[in-house]
Amino acid sequence: MLRLDVRRQVISTGGSAVYSEPAMSHLKADGLVVFLDIPLEVVIARIGDYSARGISRRPDQSLEQLFWERFELYSRAADVAVNCVGKSQEDVCDDISAVMLQMPATR
């Protein structure tokens, strides 16, 4: 990931990328890090039986514990957080576009 050209790209990192400070620094250096903020209840509804998914977590870690751990990391790493509750994908994209239009062109 550290060699990836992140300029003018949309990159969905997945949940565990936030554990790598070098990766997050690389993303932030040339791009905008957006945290798509949804509550735990929505995550649970979307994932369902997380034991059947390839979610990177400690064996003794519950989905709720993982959520709060990552929530803290993504909140700190993000340049902007977008509240996604009750919004369509189009609404979320519009929110992100509005933020990007307010940014200087150097990023």
PDB file of N, CA and C in Angstrom:
ATOM      1  N   MET A   1       0.814  -1.189   0.000  1.00  0.00           N
ATOM      2  CA  MET A   1       0.000   0.000   0.000  1.00  0.00           C
ATOM      3  C   MET A   1       0.861   1.257   0.000  1.00  0.00           C
ATOM      4  N   LEU A   2       2.038   1.203   0.565  1.00  0.00           N
ATOM      5  CA  LEU A   2       2.866   2.395   0.686  1.00  0.00           C
ATOM      6  C   LEU A   2       3.374   2.908  -0.658  1.00  0.00           C
ATOM      7  N   ARG A   3       3.357   2.081  -1.689  1.00  0.00           N
ATOM      8  CA  ARG A   3       3.786   2.515  -3.019  1.00  0.00           C
ATOM      9  C   ARG A   3       2.603   2.914  -3.903  1.00  0.00           C
ATOM     10  N   LEU A   4       1.419   2.751  -3.409  1.00  0.00           N
ATOM     11  CA  LEU A   4       0.208   3.042  -4.154  1.00  0.00           C
ATOM     12  C   LEU A   4       0.053   4.547  -4.372  1.00  0.00           C
ATOM     13  N   ASP A   5      -0.203   4.942  -5.612  1.00  0.00           N
ATOM     14  CA  ASP A   5      -0.468   6.350  -5.916  1.00  0.00           C
ATOM     15  C   ASP A   5      -1.921   6.625  -5.536  1.00  0.00           C
ATOM     16  N   VAL A   6      -2.122   7.416  -4.499  1.00  0.00           N
ATOM     17  CA  VAL A   6      -3.469   7.638  -3.972  1.00  0.00           C
ATOM     18  C   VAL A   6      -4.089   8.939  -4.469  1.00  0.00           C
ATOM     19  N   ARG A   7      -3.351   9.679  -5.275  1.00  0.00           N
ATOM     20  CA  ARG A   7      -3.892  10.943  -5.781  1.00  0.00           C
ATOM     21  C   ARG A   7      -5.021  10.686  -6.766  1.00  0.00           C
ATOM     22  N   ARG A   8      -6.103  11.430  -6.592  1.00  0.00           N
ATOM     23  CA  ARG A   8      -7.262  11.387  -7.491  1.00  0.00           C
ATOM     24  C   ARG A   8      -7.859   9.979  -7.593  1.00  0.00           C
ATOM     25  N   GLN A   9      -7.849   9.258  -6.478  1.00  0.00           N
ATOM     26  CA  GLN A   9      -8.374   7.891  -6.425  1.00  0.00           C
ATOM     27  C   GLN A   9      -9.343   7.760  -5.259  1.00  0.00           C
ATOM     28  N   VAL A  10     -10.268   6.847  -5.391  1.00  0.00           N
ATOM     29  CA  VAL A  10     -11.112   6.439  -4.281  1.00  0.00           C
ATOM     30  C   VAL A  10     -10.627   5.060  -3.872  1.00  0.00           C
ATOM     31  N   ILE A  11     -10.227   4.939  -2.624  1.00  0.00           N
ATOM     32  CA  ILE A  11      -9.679   3.685  -2.127  1.00  0.00           C
ATOM     33  C   ILE A  11     -10.471   3.267  -0.896  1.00  0.00           C
ATOM     34  N   SER A  12     -11.067   2.118  -0.965  1.00  0.00           N
ATOM     35  CA  SER A  12     -11.763   1.554   0.186  1.00  0.00           C
ATOM     36  C   SER A  12     -10.798   0.581   0.850  1.00  0.00           C
ATOM     37  N   THR A  13     -10.303   0.966   2.009  1.00  0.00           N
ATOM     38  CA  THR A  13      -9.209   0.219   2.622  1.00  0.00           C
ATOM     39  C   THR A  13      -9.634  -1.059   3.321  1.00  0.00           C
ATOM     40  N   GLY A  14     -10.869  -1.153   3.722  1.00  0.00           N
ATOM     41  CA  GLY A  14     -11.252  -2.263   4.582  1.00  0.00           C
ATOM     42  C   GLY A  14     -10.934  -1.906   6.020  1.00  0.00           C
ATOM     43  N   GLY A  15     -11.405  -2.703   6.929  1.00  0.00           N
ATOM     44  CA  GLY A  15     -11.339  -2.353   8.342  1.00  0.00           C
ATOM     45  C   GLY A  15      -9.980  -2.341   8.978  1.00  0.00           C
ATOM     46  N   SER A  16      -9.079  -3.218   8.579  1.00  0.00           N
ATOM     47  CA  SER A  16      -7.834  -3.354   9.335  1.00  0.00           C
ATOM     48  C   SER A  16      -6.716  -2.435   8.868  1.00  0.00           C
ATOM     49  N   ALA A  17      -6.878  -1.706   7.784  1.00  0.00           N
ATOM     50  CA  ALA A  17      -5.821  -0.808   7.310  1.00  0.00           C
ATOM     51  C   ALA A  17      -5.474   0.256   8.336  1.00  0.00           C
ATOM     52  N   VAL A  18      -6.430   0.616   9.147  1.00  0.00           N
ATOM     53  CA  VAL A  18      -6.231   1.677  10.129  1.00  0.00           C
ATOM     54  C   VAL A  18      -5.221   1.299  11.209  1.00  0.00           C
ATOM     55  N   TYR A  19      -4.881   0.032  11.320  1.00  0.00           N
ATOM     56  CA  TYR A  19      -3.881  -0.400  12.299  1.00  0.00           C
ATOM     57  C   TYR A  19      -2.461  -0.071  11.850  1.00  0.00           C
ATOM     58  N   SER A  20      -2.273   0.279  10.600  1.00  0.00           N
ATOM     59  CA  SER A  20      -0.945   0.590  10.069  1.00  0.00           C
ATOM     60  C   SER A  20      -0.760   2.104  10.001  1.00  0.00           C
ATOM     61  N   GLU A  21       0.019   2.640  10.912  1.00  0.00           N
ATOM     62  CA  GLU A  21       0.285   4.082  10.889  1.00  0.00           C
ATOM     63  C   GLU A  21       0.981   4.517   9.596  1.00  0.00           C
ATOM     64  N   PRO A  22       1.968   3.752   9.103  1.00  0.00           N
ATOM     65  CA  PRO A  22       2.577   4.155   7.820  1.00  0.00           C
ATOM     66  C   PRO A  22       1.558   4.191   6.669  1.00  0.00           C
ATOM     67  N   ALA A  23       0.663   3.237   6.619  1.00  0.00           N
ATOM     68  CA  ALA A  23      -0.350   3.212   5.558  1.00  0.00           C
ATOM     69  C   ALA A  23      -1.282   4.419   5.672  1.00  0.00           C
ATOM     70  N   MET A  24      -1.728   4.711   6.873  1.00  0.00           N
ATOM     71  CA  MET A  24      -2.641   5.842   7.052  1.00  0.00           C
ATOM     72  C   MET A  24      -1.928   7.162   6.768  1.00  0.00           C
ATOM     73  N   SER A  25      -0.671   7.275   7.154  1.00  0.00           N
ATOM     74  CA  SER A  25       0.101   8.490   6.860  1.00  0.00           C
ATOM     75  C   SER A  25       0.249   8.674   5.355  1.00  0.00           C
ATOM     76  N   HIS A  26       0.480   7.565   4.653  1.00  0.00           N
ATOM     77  CA  HIS A  26       0.603   7.619   3.189  1.00  0.00           C
ATOM     78  C   HIS A  26      -0.717   8.086   2.566  1.00  0.00           C
ATOM     79  N   LEU A  27      -1.814   7.537   3.027  1.00  0.00           N
ATOM     80  CA  LEU A  27      -3.116   7.942   2.491  1.00  0.00           C
ATOM     81  C   LEU A  27      -3.387   9.419   2.758  1.00  0.00           C
ATOM     82  N   LYS A  28      -3.052   9.884   3.955  1.00  0.00           N
ATOM     83  CA  LYS A  28      -3.316  11.270   4.330  1.00  0.00           C
ATOM     84  C   LYS A  28      -2.387  12.259   3.624  1.00  0.00           C
ATOM     85  N   ALA A  29      -1.183  11.809   3.251  1.00  0.00           N
ATOM     86  CA  ALA A  29      -0.205  12.712   2.640  1.00  0.00           C
ATOM     87  C   ALA A  29      -0.693  13.277   1.312  1.00  0.00           C
ATOM     88  N   ASP A  30      -1.341  12.452   0.519  1.00  0.00           N
ATOM     89  CA  ASP A  30      -1.772  12.885  -0.815  1.00  0.00           C
ATOM     90  C   ASP A  30      -3.271  12.771  -1.035  1.00  0.00           C
ATOM     91  N   GLY A  31      -4.017  12.503   0.018  1.00  0.00           N
ATOM     92  CA  GLY A  31      -5.448  12.313  -0.166  1.00  0.00           C
ATOM     93  C   GLY A  31      -6.253  12.739   1.040  1.00  0.00           C
ATOM     94  N   LEU A  32      -7.510  12.522   0.935  1.00  0.00           N
ATOM     95  CA  LEU A  32      -8.466  12.833   1.986  1.00  0.00           C
ATOM     96  C   LEU A  32      -8.952  11.519   2.578  1.00  0.00           C
ATOM     97  N   VAL A  33      -8.794  11.339   3.875  1.00  0.00           N
ATOM     98  CA  VAL A  33      -9.265  10.133   4.539  1.00  0.00           C
ATOM     99  C   VAL A  33     -10.662  10.427   5.090  1.00  0.00           C
ATOM    100  N   VAL A  34     -11.633   9.684   4.586  1.00  0.00           N
ATOM    101  CA  VAL A  34     -13.034   9.875   4.963  1.00  0.00           C
ATOM    102  C   VAL A  34     -13.488   8.678   5.780  1.00  0.00           C
ATOM    103  N   PHE A  35     -14.023   8.950   6.945  1.00  0.00           N
ATOM    104  CA  PHE A  35     -14.573   7.911   7.815  1.00  0.00           C
ATOM    105  C   PHE A  35     -16.080   7.892   7.616  1.00  0.00           C
ATOM    106  N   LEU A  36     -16.595   6.773   7.110  1.00  0.00           N
ATOM    107  CA  LEU A  36     -18.034   6.615   6.924  1.00  0.00           C
ATOM    108  C   LEU A  36     -18.605   6.097   8.240  1.00  0.00           C
ATOM    109  N   ASP A  37     -19.194   6.992   8.997  1.00  0.00           N
ATOM    110  CA  ASP A  37     -19.619   6.738  10.365  1.00  0.00           C
ATOM    111  C   ASP A  37     -21.031   6.132  10.402  1.00  0.00           C
ATOM    112  N   ILE A  38     -21.087   4.889  10.854  1.00  0.00           N
ATOM    113  CA  ILE A  38     -22.371   4.220  11.083  1.00  0.00           C
ATOM    114  C   ILE A  38     -22.339   3.597  12.475  1.00  0.00           C
ATOM    115  N   PRO A  39     -23.499   3.477  13.110  1.00  0.00           N
ATOM    116  CA  PRO A  39     -23.512   2.904  14.457  1.00  0.00           C
ATOM    117  C   PRO A  39     -23.320   1.379  14.451  1.00  0.00           C
ATOM    118  N   LEU A  40     -22.946   0.879  15.589  1.00  0.00           N
ATOM    119  CA  LEU A  40     -22.720  -0.556  15.761  1.00  0.00           C
ATOM    120  C   LEU A  40     -23.924  -1.371  15.309  1.00  0.00           C
ATOM    121  N   GLU A  41     -25.111  -0.923  15.594  1.00  0.00           N
ATOM    122  CA  GLU A  41     -26.323  -1.665  15.232  1.00  0.00           C
ATOM    123  C   GLU A  41     -26.410  -1.876  13.721  1.00  0.00           C
ATOM    124  N   VAL A  42     -26.005  -0.881  12.959  1.00  0.00           N
ATOM    125  CA  VAL A  42     -26.031  -0.995  11.500  1.00  0.00           C
ATOM    126  C   VAL A  42     -24.963  -1.981  11.034  1.00  0.00           C
ATOM    127  N   VAL A  43     -23.792  -1.922  11.661  1.00  0.00           N
ATOM    128  CA  VAL A  43     -22.722  -2.867  11.324  1.00  0.00           C
ATOM    129  C   VAL A  43     -23.206  -4.291  11.563  1.00  0.00           C
ATOM    130  N   ILE A  44     -23.818  -4.523  12.708  1.00  0.00           N
ATOM    131  CA  ILE A  44     -24.322  -5.866  13.043  1.00  0.00           C
ATOM    132  C   ILE A  44     -25.359  -6.322  12.020  1.00  0.00           C
ATOM    133  N   ALA A  45     -26.263  -5.429  11.659  1.00  0.00           N
ATOM    134  CA  ALA A  45     -27.300  -5.786  10.684  1.00  0.00           C
ATOM    135  C   ALA A  45     -26.699  -6.110   9.321  1.00  0.00           C
ATOM    136  N   ARG A  46     -25.671  -5.389   8.926  1.00  0.00           N
ATOM    137  CA  ARG A  46     -25.047  -5.613   7.618  1.00  0.00           C
ATOM    138  C   ARG A  46     -24.205  -6.881   7.589  1.00  0.00           C
ATOM    139  N   ILE A  47     -23.501  -7.141   8.674  1.00  0.00           N
ATOM    140  CA  ILE A  47     -22.581  -8.278   8.697  1.00  0.00           C
ATOM    141  C   ILE A  47     -23.296  -9.583   9.004  1.00  0.00           C
ATOM    142  N   GLY A  48     -24.253  -9.546   9.907  1.00  0.00           N
ATOM    143  CA  GLY A  48     -24.917 -10.787  10.302  1.00  0.00           C
ATOM    144  C   GLY A  48     -24.001 -11.639  11.157  1.00  0.00           C
ATOM    145  N   ASP A  49     -23.825 -12.883  10.798  1.00  0.00           N
ATOM    146  CA  ASP A  49     -22.978 -13.805  11.554  1.00  0.00           C
ATOM    147  C   ASP A  49     -21.518 -13.524  11.202  1.00  0.00           C
ATOM    148  N   TYR A  50     -20.871 -12.712  12.033  1.00  0.00           N
ATOM    149  CA  TYR A  50     -19.505 -12.304  11.706  1.00  0.00           C
ATOM    150  C   TYR A  50     -18.501 -13.435  11.861  1.00  0.00           C
ATOM    151  N   SER A  51     -18.877 -14.503  12.532  1.00  0.00           N
ATOM    152  CA  SER A  51     -17.945 -15.627  12.669  1.00  0.00           C
ATOM    153  C   SER A  51     -17.714 -16.314  11.322  1.00  0.00           C
ATOM    154  N   ALA A  52     -18.643 -16.143  10.385  1.00  0.00           N
ATOM    155  CA  ALA A  52     -18.517 -16.745   9.061  1.00  0.00           C
ATOM    156  C   ALA A  52     -17.764 -15.832   8.095  1.00  0.00           C
ATOM    157  N   ARG A  53     -17.443 -14.605   8.540  1.00  0.00           N
ATOM    158  CA  ARG A  53     -16.757 -13.631   7.681  1.00  0.00           C
ATOM    159  C   ARG A  53     -15.271 -13.596   7.991  1.00  0.00           C
ATOM    160  N   GLY A  54     -14.492 -13.150   7.062  1.00  0.00           N
ATOM    161  CA  GLY A  54     -13.048 -13.017   7.250  1.00  0.00           C
ATOM    162  C   GLY A  54     -12.672 -11.706   7.910  1.00  0.00           C
ATOM    163  N   ILE A  55     -13.222 -11.444   9.065  1.00  0.00           N
ATOM    164  CA  ILE A  55     -12.940 -10.203   9.780  1.00  0.00           C
ATOM    165  C   ILE A  55     -11.706 -10.409  10.656  1.00  0.00           C
ATOM    166  N   SER A  56     -10.727  -9.550  10.460  1.00  0.00           N
ATOM    167  CA  SER A  56      -9.486  -9.656  11.213  1.00  0.00           C
ATOM    168  C   SER A  56      -9.706  -9.146  12.639  1.00  0.00           C
ATOM    169  N   ARG A  57      -9.606 -10.071  13.594  1.00  0.00           N
ATOM    170  CA  ARG A  57      -9.805  -9.722  15.005  1.00  0.00           C
ATOM    171  C   ARG A  57      -9.099 -10.747  15.863  1.00  0.00           C
ATOM    172  N   ARG A  58      -8.898 -10.395  17.124  1.00  0.00           N
ATOM    173  CA  ARG A  58      -8.340 -11.349  18.067  1.00  0.00           C
ATOM    174  C   ARG A  58      -9.380 -12.433  18.355  1.00  0.00           C
ATOM    175  N   PRO A  59      -8.964 -13.663  18.633  1.00  0.00           N
ATOM    176  CA  PRO A  59      -9.917 -14.758  18.878  1.00  0.00           C
ATOM    177  C   PRO A  59     -10.899 -14.485  20.020  1.00  0.00           C
ATOM    178  N   ASP A  60     -10.458 -13.750  21.026  1.00  0.00           N
ATOM    179  CA  ASP A  60     -11.313 -13.479  22.187  1.00  0.00           C
ATOM    180  C   ASP A  60     -12.094 -12.171  22.051  1.00  0.00           C
ATOM    181  N   GLN A  61     -12.030 -11.533  20.892  1.00  0.00           N
ATOM    182  CA  GLN A  61     -12.619 -10.209  20.708  1.00  0.00           C
ATOM    183  C   GLN A  61     -14.012 -10.293  20.098  1.00  0.00           C
ATOM    184  N   SER A  62     -14.966  -9.637  20.742  1.00  0.00           N
ATOM    185  CA  SER A  62     -16.326  -9.591  20.210  1.00  0.00           C
ATOM    186  C   SER A  62     -16.408  -8.551  19.092  1.00  0.00           C
ATOM    187  N   LEU A  63     -17.465  -8.623  18.308  1.00  0.00           N
ATOM    188  CA  LEU A  63     -17.671  -7.650  17.246  1.00  0.00           C
ATOM    189  C   LEU A  63     -17.823  -6.253  17.845  1.00  0.00           C
ATOM    190  N   GLU A  64     -18.487  -6.144  18.976  1.00  0.00           N
ATOM    191  CA  GLU A  64     -18.660  -4.845  19.627  1.00  0.00           C
ATOM    192  C   GLU A  64     -17.302  -4.270  20.062  1.00  0.00           C
ATOM    193  N   GLN A  65     -16.452  -5.088  20.642  1.00  0.00           N
ATOM    194  CA  GLN A  65     -15.128  -4.622  21.050  1.00  0.00           C
ATOM    195  C   GLN A  65     -14.311  -4.178  19.842  1.00  0.00           C
ATOM    196  N   LEU A  66     -14.378  -4.959  18.778  1.00  0.00           N
ATOM    197  CA  LEU A  66     -13.670  -4.617  17.548  1.00  0.00           C
ATOM    198  C   LEU A  66     -14.188  -3.299  16.972  1.00  0.00           C
ATOM    199  N   PHE A  67     -15.507  -3.151  16.966  1.00  0.00           N
ATOM    200  CA  PHE A  67     -16.117  -1.921  16.460  1.00  0.00           C
ATOM    201  C   PHE A  67     -15.568  -0.711  17.195  1.00  0.00           C
ATOM    202  N   TRP A  68     -15.578  -0.726  18.514  1.00  0.00           N
ATOM    203  CA  TRP A  68     -15.147   0.440  19.294  1.00  0.00           C
ATOM    204  C   TRP A  68     -13.651   0.692  19.157  1.00  0.00           C
ATOM    205  N   GLU A  69     -12.882  -0.373  19.042  1.00  0.00           N
ATOM    206  CA  GLU A  69     -11.442  -0.225  18.829  1.00  0.00           C
ATOM    207  C   GLU A  69     -11.175   0.491  17.507  1.00  0.00           C
ATOM    208  N   ARG A  70     -11.818   0.028  16.454  1.00  0.00           N
ATOM    209  CA  ARG A  70     -11.625   0.630  15.131  1.00  0.00           C
ATOM    210  C   ARG A  70     -12.279   2.002  15.029  1.00  0.00           C
ATOM    211  N   PHE A  71     -13.399   2.190  15.695  1.00  0.00           N
ATOM    212  CA  PHE A  71     -14.070   3.487  15.692  1.00  0.00           C
ATOM    213  C   PHE A  71     -13.105   4.562  16.192  1.00  0.00           C
ATOM    214  N   GLU A  72     -12.422   4.271  17.281  1.00  0.00           N
ATOM    215  CA  GLU A  72     -11.456   5.219  17.852  1.00  0.00           C
ATOM    216  C   GLU A  72     -10.318   5.501  16.867  1.00  0.00           C
ATOM    217  N   LEU A  73      -9.776   4.454  16.267  1.00  0.00           N
ATOM    218  CA  LEU A  73      -8.665   4.618  15.327  1.00  0.00           C
ATOM    219  C   LEU A  73      -9.088   5.411  14.085  1.00  0.00           C
ATOM    220  N   TYR A  74     -10.225   5.057  13.504  1.00  0.00           N
ATOM    221  CA  TYR A  74     -10.697   5.767  12.315  1.00  0.00           C
ATOM    222  C   TYR A  74     -11.083   7.200  12.631  1.00  0.00           C
ATOM    223  N   SER A  75     -11.640   7.434  13.807  1.00  0.00           N
ATOM    224  CA  SER A  75     -11.988   8.802  14.199  1.00  0.00           C
ATOM    225  C   SER A  75     -10.749   9.678  14.266  1.00  0.00           C
ATOM    226  N   ARG A  76      -9.667   9.129  14.800  1.00  0.00           N
ATOM    227  CA  ARG A  76      -8.410   9.880  14.893  1.00  0.00           C
ATOM    228  C   ARG A  76      -7.745  10.059  13.530  1.00  0.00           C
ATOM    229  N   ALA A  77      -7.818   9.055  12.675  1.00  0.00           N
ATOM    230  CA  ALA A  77      -7.121   9.095  11.386  1.00  0.00           C
ATOM    231  C   ALA A  77      -7.839   9.928  10.334  1.00  0.00           C
ATOM    232  N   ALA A  78      -9.132  10.065  10.471  1.00  0.00           N
ATOM    233  CA  ALA A  78      -9.935  10.697   9.422  1.00  0.00           C
ATOM    234  C   ALA A  78      -9.709  12.201   9.324  1.00  0.00           C
ATOM    235  N   ASP A  79      -9.686  12.676   8.090  1.00  0.00           N
ATOM    236  CA  ASP A  79      -9.706  14.120   7.851  1.00  0.00           C
ATOM    237  C   ASP A  79     -11.124  14.645   8.016  1.00  0.00           C
ATOM    238  N   VAL A  80     -12.073  13.789   7.687  1.00  0.00           N
ATOM    239  CA  VAL A  80     -13.481  14.151   7.818  1.00  0.00           C
ATOM    240  C   VAL A  80     -14.285  12.885   8.100  1.00  0.00           C
ATOM    241  N   ALA A  81     -15.300  13.033   8.940  1.00  0.00           N
ATOM    242  CA  ALA A  81     -16.230  11.930   9.208  1.00  0.00           C
ATOM    243  C   ALA A  81     -17.579  12.297   8.601  1.00  0.00           C
ATOM    244  N   VAL A  82     -18.178  11.342   7.925  1.00  0.00           N
ATOM    245  CA  VAL A  82     -19.491  11.555   7.322  1.00  0.00           C
ATOM    246  C   VAL A  82     -20.486  10.653   8.041  1.00  0.00           C
ATOM    247  N   ASN A  83     -21.465  11.271   8.653  1.00  0.00           N
ATOM    248  CA  ASN A  83     -22.522  10.524   9.321  1.00  0.00           C
ATOM    249  C   ASN A  83     -23.409   9.910   8.243  1.00  0.00           C
ATOM    250  N   CYS A  84     -23.492   8.594   8.226  1.00  0.00           N
ATOM    251  CA  CYS A  84     -24.211   7.896   7.158  1.00  0.00           C
ATOM    252  C   CYS A  84     -25.587   7.380   7.590  1.00  0.00           C
ATOM    253  N   VAL A  85     -26.003   7.693   8.790  1.00  0.00           N
ATOM    254  CA  VAL A  85     -27.277   7.183   9.303  1.00  0.00           C
ATOM    255  C   VAL A  85     -28.439   7.731   8.478  1.00  0.00           C
ATOM    256  N   GLY A  86     -29.235   6.828   7.972  1.00  0.00           N
ATOM    257  CA  GLY A  86     -30.431   7.200   7.230  1.00  0.00           C
ATOM    258  C   GLY A  86     -30.167   7.809   5.867  1.00  0.00           C
ATOM    259  N   LYS A  87     -28.947   7.682   5.364  1.00  0.00           N
ATOM    260  CA  LYS A  87     -28.613   8.286   4.077  1.00  0.00           C
ATOM    261  C   LYS A  87     -28.415   7.203   3.024  1.00  0.00           C
ATOM    262  N   SER A  88     -28.776   7.539   1.809  1.00  0.00           N
ATOM    263  CA  SER A  88     -28.521   6.647   0.677  1.00  0.00           C
ATOM    264  C   SER A  88     -27.058   6.780   0.280  1.00  0.00           C
ATOM    265  N   GLN A  89     -26.604   5.874  -0.569  1.00  0.00           N
ATOM    266  CA  GLN A  89     -25.233   5.978  -1.084  1.00  0.00           C
ATOM    267  C   GLN A  89     -25.038   7.303  -1.813  1.00  0.00           C
ATOM    268  N   GLU A  90     -26.039   7.722  -2.529  1.00  0.00           N
ATOM    269  CA  GLU A  90     -25.952   8.997  -3.263  1.00  0.00           C
ATOM    270  C   GLU A  90     -25.812  10.169  -2.299  1.00  0.00           C
ATOM    271  N   ASP A  91     -26.567  10.147  -1.202  1.00  0.00           N
ATOM    272  CA  ASP A  91     -26.466  11.218  -0.203  1.00  0.00           C
ATOM    273  C   ASP A  91     -25.064  11.276   0.400  1.00  0.00           C
ATOM    274  N   VAL A  92     -24.498  10.109   0.705  1.00  0.00           N
ATOM    275  CA  VAL A  92     -23.153  10.047   1.279  1.00  0.00           C
ATOM    276  C   VAL A  92     -22.135  10.586   0.275  1.00  0.00           C
ATOM    277  N   CYS A  93     -22.266  10.195  -0.979  1.00  0.00           N
ATOM    278  CA  CYS A  93     -21.364  10.705  -2.021  1.00  0.00           C
ATOM    279  C   CYS A  93     -21.488  12.219  -2.160  1.00  0.00           C
ATOM    280  N   ASP A  94     -22.711  12.727  -2.082  1.00  0.00           N
ATOM    281  CA  ASP A  94     -22.920  14.179  -2.149  1.00  0.00           C
ATOM    282  C   ASP A  94     -22.233  14.878  -0.977  1.00  0.00           C
ATOM    283  N   ASP A  95     -22.322  14.295   0.221  1.00  0.00           N
ATOM    284  CA  ASP A  95     -21.667  14.877   1.399  1.00  0.00           C
ATOM    285  C   ASP A  95     -20.154  14.918   1.216  1.00  0.00           C
ATOM    286  N   ILE A  96     -19.589  13.828   0.713  1.00  0.00           N
ATOM    287  CA  ILE A  96     -18.141  13.772   0.488  1.00  0.00           C
ATOM    288  C   ILE A  96     -17.734  14.776  -0.591  1.00  0.00           C
ATOM    289  N   SER A  97     -18.503  14.857  -1.660  1.00  0.00           N
ATOM    290  CA  SER A  97     -18.205  15.809  -2.741  1.00  0.00           C
ATOM    291  C   SER A  97     -18.232  17.243  -2.224  1.00  0.00           C
ATOM    292  N   ALA A  98     -19.187  17.544  -1.364  1.00  0.00           N
ATOM    293  CA  ALA A  98     -19.278  18.896  -0.810  1.00  0.00           C
ATOM    294  C   ALA A  98     -18.032  19.240   0.002  1.00  0.00           C
ATOM    295  N   VAL A  99     -17.544  18.287   0.773  1.00  0.00           N
ATOM    296  CA  VAL A  99     -16.319  18.505   1.551  1.00  0.00           C
ATOM    297  C   VAL A  99     -15.137  18.719   0.618  1.00  0.00           C
ATOM    298  N   MET A 100     -15.045  17.907  -0.412  1.00  0.00           N
ATOM    299  CA  MET A 100     -13.914  18.001  -1.335  1.00  0.00           C
ATOM    300  C   MET A 100     -13.908  19.325  -2.102  1.00  0.00           C
ATOM    301  N   LEU A 101     -15.084  19.844  -2.414  1.00  0.00           N
ATOM    302  CA  LEU A 101     -15.164  21.130  -3.137  1.00  0.00           C
ATOM    303  C   LEU A 101     -14.659  22.280  -2.282  1.00  0.00           C
ATOM    304  N   GLN A 102     -14.686  22.118  -0.970  1.00  0.00           N
ATOM    305  CA  GLN A 102     -14.224  23.174  -0.070  1.00  0.00           C
ATOM    306  C   GLN A 102     -12.725  23.096   0.200  1.00  0.00           C
ATOM    307  N   MET A 103     -12.085  22.028  -0.269  1.00  0.00           N
ATOM    308  CA  MET A 103     -10.663  21.833   0.001  1.00  0.00           C
ATOM    309  C   MET A 103      -9.800  22.565  -1.022  1.00  0.00           C
ATOM    310  N   PRO A 104      -8.586  22.943  -0.596  1.00  0.00           N
ATOM    311  CA  PRO A 104      -7.653  23.542  -1.564  1.00  0.00           C
ATOM    312  C   PRO A 104      -7.297  22.528  -2.654  1.00  0.00           C
ATOM    313  N   ALA A 105      -6.985  23.000  -3.815  1.00  0.00           N
ATOM    314  CA  ALA A 105      -6.692  22.141  -4.975  1.00  0.00           C
ATOM    315  C   ALA A 105      -5.366  21.395  -4.854  1.00  0.00           C
ATOM    316  N   THR A 106      -4.571  21.672  -3.857  1.00  0.00           N
ATOM    317  CA  THR A 106      -3.249  21.038  -3.734  1.00  0.00           C
ATOM    318  C   THR A 106      -3.311  19.590  -3.303  1.00  0.00           C
ATOM    319  N   ARG A 107      -4.402  19.128  -2.787  1.00  0.00           N
ATOM    320  CA  ARG A 107      -4.511  17.748  -2.319  1.00  0.00           C
ATOM    321  C   ARG A 107      -4.929  16.827  -3.392  1.00  0.00           C
TER     322      ARG A 107
END
